[in-house]
Amino acid sequence: MKTKIVITLLVASLLSLSNICFGQQSAMPHKPMTAEDSAAINSLAMYPDSIRRNILEACMYPAAIVNIATLQKNSSAQFSSIINGYNKDEQENLYNLARYPNLISALVQGGKKSTEQINAIIVDFPNEIHATALSYGKSNYETLKKIDELQQQTNAQFEQTISDLPVNTQSSFRSLIQMP
């Protein structure tokens, strides 16, 4: 008799719980996809499988994404502060130099460079950046040094942010950070 009461209570509880769950489902209408959602999905679909897998892996750690976004926002503000005294064209040139990984570091490492030294460095970079690198490498060493220090600091903070994540997730974040 006692077992029958327990089973009855259990079934009644399950029915109540299922009604609550199903009731909640029906109370939440299907939300149609927005144009922004559709554009995001189409953008993701254009990437190779490996990048989509990296995105999926990174999405498993939203706190890291938020921290990295904050880091990017702060470093962008600091970069703007460094180049603030330059006119629009000069700012664009400095931004373009910063887009090439290790270029600014190579230009400032070991002190100011001669024209010959700069020419030897820029051989490893696309021709489109040669004239800018030569010009700014010769005449804006201190600014380039500040930009390099900011890049080094930001890279170290990024590595610190992902250091506690699984190795494959760290690799995914490193791969994604290189993407445009």
C-alpha atoms as a PDB file:
ATOM      1  CA  MET A   1       0.000   0.000   0.000  1.00  0.00           C
ATOM      2  CA  LYS A   2       2.808   2.386   0.918  1.00  0.00           C
ATOM      3  CA  THR A   3       4.549   1.638  -2.415  1.00  0.00           C
ATOM      4  CA  LYS A   4       1.344   2.428  -4.316  1.00  0.00           C
ATOM      5  CA  ILE A   5       1.097   5.835  -2.605  1.00  0.00           C
ATOM      6  CA  VAL A   6       4.735   6.650  -3.385  1.00  0.00           C
ATOM      7  CA  ILE A   7       4.269   5.656  -7.038  1.00  0.00           C
ATOM      8  CA  THR A   8       1.074   7.714  -7.265  1.00  0.00           C
ATOM      9  CA  LEU A   9       2.817  10.746  -5.786  1.00  0.00           C
ATOM     10  CA  LEU A  10       5.763  10.262  -8.128  1.00  0.00           C
ATOM     11  CA  VAL A  11       3.499  10.043 -11.209  1.00  0.00           C
ATOM     12  CA  ALA A  12       1.488  13.054 -10.064  1.00  0.00           C
ATOM     13  CA  SER A  13       4.703  15.015  -9.543  1.00  0.00           C
ATOM     14  CA  LEU A  14       5.992  14.058 -12.978  1.00  0.00           C
ATOM     15  CA  LEU A  15       2.702  15.067 -14.606  1.00  0.00           C
ATOM     16  CA  SER A  16       2.775  18.414 -12.805  1.00  0.00           C
ATOM     17  CA  LEU A  17       6.364  18.967 -13.809  1.00  0.00           C
ATOM     18  CA  SER A  18       5.652  18.065 -17.438  1.00  0.00           C
ATOM     19  CA  ASN A  19       2.695  20.453 -17.504  1.00  0.00           C
ATOM     20  CA  ILE A  20       4.896  23.217 -16.168  1.00  0.00           C
ATOM     21  CA  CYS A  21       7.591  22.462 -18.748  1.00  0.00           C
ATOM     22  CA  PHE A  22       5.186  22.163 -21.664  1.00  0.00           C
ATOM     23  CA  GLY A  23       3.307  25.194 -20.463  1.00  0.00           C
ATOM     24  CA  GLN A  24       6.531  27.178 -20.498  1.00  0.00           C
ATOM     25  CA  GLN A  25       7.356  25.966 -23.978  1.00  0.00           C
ATOM     26  CA  SER A  26       4.043  27.067 -25.387  1.00  0.00           C
ATOM     27  CA  ALA A  27       4.349  30.420 -23.608  1.00  0.00           C
ATOM     28  CA  MET A  28       7.614  31.071 -25.467  1.00  0.00           C
ATOM     29  CA  PRO A  29       6.712  31.723 -29.080  1.00  0.00           C
ATOM     30  CA  HIS A  30       9.199  30.978 -31.832  1.00  0.00           C
ATOM     31  CA  LYS A  31      11.311  34.051 -32.468  1.00  0.00           C
ATOM     32  CA  PRO A  32      11.887  34.584 -36.186  1.00  0.00           C
ATOM     33  CA  MET A  33      15.403  35.102 -37.423  1.00  0.00           C
ATOM     34  CA  THR A  34      16.311  38.750 -37.952  1.00  0.00           C
ATOM     35  CA  ALA A  35      18.185  40.135 -40.948  1.00  0.00           C
ATOM     36  CA  GLU A  36      21.189  40.582 -38.647  1.00  0.00           C
ATOM     37  CA  ASP A  37      21.025  36.900 -37.604  1.00  0.00           C
ATOM     38  CA  SER A  38      20.800  35.853 -41.238  1.00  0.00           C
ATOM     39  CA  ALA A  39      23.774  38.021 -42.186  1.00  0.00           C
ATOM     40  CA  ALA A  40      25.829  36.562 -39.322  1.00  0.00           C
ATOM     41  CA  ILE A  41      24.994  33.006 -40.382  1.00  0.00           C
ATOM     42  CA  ASN A  42      25.865  33.779 -44.008  1.00  0.00           C
ATOM     43  CA  SER A  43      29.163  35.329 -42.915  1.00  0.00           C
ATOM     44  CA  LEU A  44      30.078  32.278 -40.854  1.00  0.00           C
ATOM     45  CA  ALA A  45      29.172  29.949 -43.692  1.00  0.00           C
ATOM     46  CA  MET A  46      31.782  31.630 -45.907  1.00  0.00           C
ATOM     47  CA  TYR A  47      34.656  30.593 -43.620  1.00  0.00           C
ATOM     48  CA  PRO A  48      36.432  27.265 -44.058  1.00  0.00           C
ATOM     49  CA  ASP A  49      35.453  24.375 -41.764  1.00  0.00           C
ATOM     50  CA  SER A  50      38.577  24.800 -39.649  1.00  0.00           C
ATOM     51  CA  ILE A  51      37.684  28.412 -38.817  1.00  0.00           C
ATOM     52  CA  ARG A  52      34.070  27.483 -38.042  1.00  0.00           C
ATOM     53  CA  ARG A  53      35.339  24.777 -35.676  1.00  0.00           C
ATOM     54  CA  ASN A  54      37.592  27.340 -33.992  1.00  0.00           C
ATOM     55  CA  ILE A  55      34.634  29.708 -33.630  1.00  0.00           C
ATOM     56  CA  LEU A  56      32.532  26.941 -32.099  1.00  0.00           C
ATOM     57  CA  GLU A  57      35.348  26.030 -29.711  1.00  0.00           C
ATOM     58  CA  ALA A  58      35.799  29.661 -28.649  1.00  0.00           C
ATOM     59  CA  CYS A  59      32.063  30.102 -28.111  1.00  0.00           C
ATOM     60  CA  MET A  60      32.263  27.520 -25.351  1.00  0.00           C
ATOM     61  CA  TYR A  61      34.099  30.170 -23.280  1.00  0.00           C
ATOM     62  CA  PRO A  62      32.020  33.370 -23.381  1.00  0.00           C
ATOM     63  CA  ALA A  63      33.896  34.922 -20.449  1.00  0.00           C
ATOM     64  CA  ALA A  64      37.153  34.691 -22.417  1.00  0.00           C
ATOM     65  CA  ILE A  65      35.454  36.286 -25.428  1.00  0.00           C
ATOM     66  CA  VAL A  66      34.233  39.171 -23.265  1.00  0.00           C
ATOM     67  CA  ASN A  67      37.699  39.619 -21.737  1.00  0.00           C
ATOM     68  CA  ILE A  68      39.364  39.588 -25.150  1.00  0.00           C
ATOM     69  CA  ALA A  69      36.816  42.082 -26.495  1.00  0.00           C
ATOM     70  CA  THR A  70      37.578  44.376 -23.557  1.00  0.00           C
ATOM     71  CA  LEU A  71      41.301  43.963 -24.172  1.00  0.00           C
ATOM     72  CA  GLN A  72      40.807  44.847 -27.850  1.00  0.00           C
ATOM     73  CA  LYS A  73      38.727  47.899 -26.965  1.00  0.00           C
ATOM     74  CA  ASN A  74      41.340  49.130 -24.481  1.00  0.00           C
ATOM     75  CA  SER A  75      44.290  48.539 -26.816  1.00  0.00           C
ATOM     76  CA  SER A  76      42.430  50.278 -29.639  1.00  0.00           C
ATOM     77  CA  ALA A  77      41.871  53.311 -27.398  1.00  0.00           C
ATOM     78  CA  GLN A  78      45.553  53.327 -26.404  1.00  0.00           C
ATOM     79  CA  PHE A  79      46.610  53.036 -30.046  1.00  0.00           C
ATOM     80  CA  SER A  80      44.365  55.989 -30.915  1.00  0.00           C
ATOM     81  CA  SER A  81      45.957  57.943 -28.099  1.00  0.00           C
ATOM     82  CA  ILE A  82      49.447  57.209 -29.449  1.00  0.00           C
ATOM     83  CA  ILE A  83      48.631  58.365 -32.994  1.00  0.00           C
ATOM     84  CA  ASN A  84      46.302  61.207 -31.966  1.00  0.00           C
ATOM     85  CA  GLY A  85      48.870  63.936 -32.738  1.00  0.00           C
ATOM     86  CA  TYR A  86      49.171  62.914 -36.391  1.00  0.00           C
ATOM     87  CA  ASN A  87      46.990  64.045 -39.294  1.00  0.00           C
ATOM     88  CA  LYS A  88      44.480  61.657 -40.871  1.00  0.00           C
ATOM     89  CA  ASP A  89      46.835  60.361 -43.594  1.00  0.00           C
ATOM     90  CA  GLU A  90      49.653  59.768 -41.119  1.00  0.00           C
ATOM     91  CA  GLN A  91      47.270  57.963 -38.755  1.00  0.00           C
ATOM     92  CA  GLU A  92      46.191  55.727 -41.618  1.00  0.00           C
ATOM     93  CA  ASN A  93      49.825  54.976 -42.470  1.00  0.00           C
ATOM     94  CA  LEU A  94      50.594  54.048 -38.856  1.00  0.00           C
ATOM     95  CA  TYR A  95      47.499  51.864 -38.745  1.00  0.00           C
ATOM     96  CA  ASN A  96      48.584  50.139 -41.973  1.00  0.00           C
ATOM     97  CA  LEU A  97      52.029  49.452 -40.548  1.00  0.00           C
ATOM     98  CA  ALA A  98      50.442  47.904 -37.447  1.00  0.00           C
ATOM     99  CA  ARG A  99      48.401  45.521 -39.601  1.00  0.00           C
ATOM    100  CA  TYR A 100      51.515  43.587 -40.625  1.00  0.00           C
ATOM    101  CA  PRO A 101      52.527  41.158 -37.871  1.00  0.00           C
ATOM    102  CA  ASN A 102      56.044  41.779 -36.563  1.00  0.00           C
ATOM    103  CA  LEU A 103      56.812  44.651 -38.953  1.00  0.00           C
ATOM    104  CA  ILE A 104      56.854  47.383 -36.322  1.00  0.00           C
ATOM    105  CA  SER A 105      58.747  45.118 -33.919  1.00  0.00           C
ATOM    106  CA  ALA A 106      61.390  44.491 -36.565  1.00  0.00           C
ATOM    107  CA  LEU A 107      61.675  48.233 -37.262  1.00  0.00           C
ATOM    108  CA  VAL A 108      62.258  49.159 -33.615  1.00  0.00           C
ATOM    109  CA  GLN A 109      64.128  46.137 -32.285  1.00  0.00           C
ATOM    110  CA  GLY A 110      67.727  47.081 -31.517  1.00  0.00           C
ATOM    111  CA  GLY A 111      67.211  50.844 -31.944  1.00  0.00           C
ATOM    112  CA  LYS A 112      66.908  53.242 -34.867  1.00  0.00           C
ATOM    113  CA  LYS A 113      67.714  51.762 -38.243  1.00  0.00           C
ATOM    114  CA  SER A 114      69.530  53.058 -41.291  1.00  0.00           C
ATOM    115  CA  THR A 115      67.884  53.049 -44.718  1.00  0.00           C
ATOM    116  CA  GLU A 116      69.834  49.910 -45.614  1.00  0.00           C
ATOM    117  CA  GLN A 117      68.710  48.122 -42.436  1.00  0.00           C
ATOM    118  CA  ILE A 118      65.081  49.066 -43.026  1.00  0.00           C
ATOM    119  CA  ASN A 119      65.295  47.902 -46.635  1.00  0.00           C
ATOM    120  CA  ALA A 120      66.637  44.559 -45.435  1.00  0.00           C
ATOM    121  CA  ILE A 121      63.671  44.227 -43.042  1.00  0.00           C
ATOM    122  CA  ILE A 122      60.913  45.184 -45.466  1.00  0.00           C
ATOM    123  CA  VAL A 123      62.003  42.639 -48.074  1.00  0.00           C
ATOM    124  CA  ASP A 124      59.940  40.088 -46.108  1.00  0.00           C
ATOM    125  CA  PHE A 125      56.759  42.176 -46.393  1.00  0.00           C
ATOM    126  CA  PRO A 126      54.463  43.041 -49.321  1.00  0.00           C
ATOM    127  CA  ASN A 127      55.661  45.805 -51.657  1.00  0.00           C
ATOM    128  CA  GLU A 128      52.610  47.926 -50.865  1.00  0.00           C
ATOM    129  CA  ILE A 129      53.951  48.704 -47.381  1.00  0.00           C
ATOM    130  CA  HIS A 130      57.630  49.269 -48.278  1.00  0.00           C
ATOM    131  CA  ALA A 131      57.529  53.040 -48.833  1.00  0.00           C
ATOM    132  CA  THR A 132      55.511  53.654 -45.667  1.00  0.00           C
ATOM    133  CA  ALA A 133      57.746  51.381 -43.589  1.00  0.00           C
ATOM    134  CA  LEU A 134      60.881  53.086 -44.901  1.00  0.00           C
ATOM    135  CA  SER A 135      59.525  56.573 -44.286  1.00  0.00           C
ATOM    136  CA  TYR A 136      58.120  55.931 -40.814  1.00  0.00           C
ATOM    137  CA  GLY A 137      60.989  53.672 -39.806  1.00  0.00           C
ATOM    138  CA  LYS A 138      63.375  56.555 -40.395  1.00  0.00           C
ATOM    139  CA  SER A 139      61.346  59.491 -39.072  1.00  0.00           C
ATOM    140  CA  ASN A 140      58.914  58.140 -36.438  1.00  0.00           C
ATOM    141  CA  TYR A 141      60.976  55.714 -34.380  1.00  0.00           C
ATOM    142  CA  GLU A 142      59.602  56.822 -30.981  1.00  0.00           C
ATOM    143  CA  THR A 143      55.996  56.457 -32.105  1.00  0.00           C
ATOM    144  CA  LEU A 144      56.719  53.047 -33.610  1.00  0.00           C
ATOM    145  CA  LYS A 145      58.409  52.037 -30.358  1.00  0.00           C
ATOM    146  CA  LYS A 146      55.271  53.008 -28.365  1.00  0.00           C
ATOM    147  CA  ILE A 147      53.092  51.056 -30.777  1.00  0.00           C
ATOM    148  CA  ASP A 148      55.382  48.042 -30.457  1.00  0.00           C
ATOM    149  CA  GLU A 149      55.274  48.230 -26.659  1.00  0.00           C
ATOM    150  CA  LEU A 150      51.471  48.361 -26.818  1.00  0.00           C
ATOM    151  CA  GLN A 151      51.402  45.344 -29.142  1.00  0.00           C
ATOM    152  CA  GLN A 152      53.718  43.388 -26.830  1.00  0.00           C
ATOM    153  CA  GLN A 153      51.653  44.304 -23.770  1.00  0.00           C
ATOM    154  CA  THR A 154      48.379  43.404 -25.497  1.00  0.00           C
ATOM    155  CA  ASN A 155      49.791  40.076 -26.711  1.00  0.00           C
ATOM    156  CA  ALA A 156      50.926  39.234 -23.172  1.00  0.00           C
ATOM    157  CA  GLN A 157      47.486  40.101 -21.766  1.00  0.00           C
ATOM    158  CA  PHE A 158      45.803  38.005 -24.457  1.00  0.00           C
ATOM    159  CA  GLU A 159      48.021  35.033 -23.589  1.00  0.00           C
ATOM    160  CA  GLN A 160      47.230  35.530 -19.897  1.00  0.00           C
ATOM    161  CA  THR A 161      43.495  35.624 -20.683  1.00  0.00           C
ATOM    162  CA  ILE A 162      43.567  32.261 -22.457  1.00  0.00           C
ATOM    163  CA  SER A 163      46.214  30.587 -20.283  1.00  0.00           C
ATOM    164  CA  ASP A 164      43.732  28.651 -18.117  1.00  0.00           C
ATOM    165  CA  LEU A 165      41.761  27.297 -21.081  1.00  0.00           C
ATOM    166  CA  PRO A 166      42.351  23.850 -22.606  1.00  0.00           C
ATOM    167  CA  VAL A 167      45.245  23.733 -25.063  1.00  0.00           C
ATOM    168  CA  ASN A 168      43.005  23.138 -28.096  1.00  0.00           C
ATOM    169  CA  THR A 169      40.848  26.120 -27.082  1.00  0.00           C
ATOM    170  CA  GLN A 170      43.939  28.320 -26.719  1.00  0.00           C
ATOM    171  CA  SER A 171      44.950  27.259 -30.210  1.00  0.00           C
ATOM    172  CA  SER A 172      41.480  28.155 -31.516  1.00  0.00           C
ATOM    173  CA  PHE A 173      41.642  31.612 -29.953  1.00  0.00           C
ATOM    174  CA  ARG A 174      45.140  32.204 -31.363  1.00  0.00           C
ATOM    175  CA  SER A 175      43.956  31.206 -34.819  1.00  0.00           C
ATOM    176  CA  LEU A 176      40.870  33.407 -34.622  1.00  0.00           C
ATOM    177  CA  ILE A 177      42.767  36.449 -33.363  1.00  0.00           C
ATOM    178  CA  GLN A 178      44.731  36.420 -36.622  1.00  0.00           C
ATOM    179  CA  MET A 179      41.553  36.580 -38.723  1.00  0.00           C
ATOM    180  CA  PRO A 180      40.233  39.886 -40.086  1.00  0.00           C
END
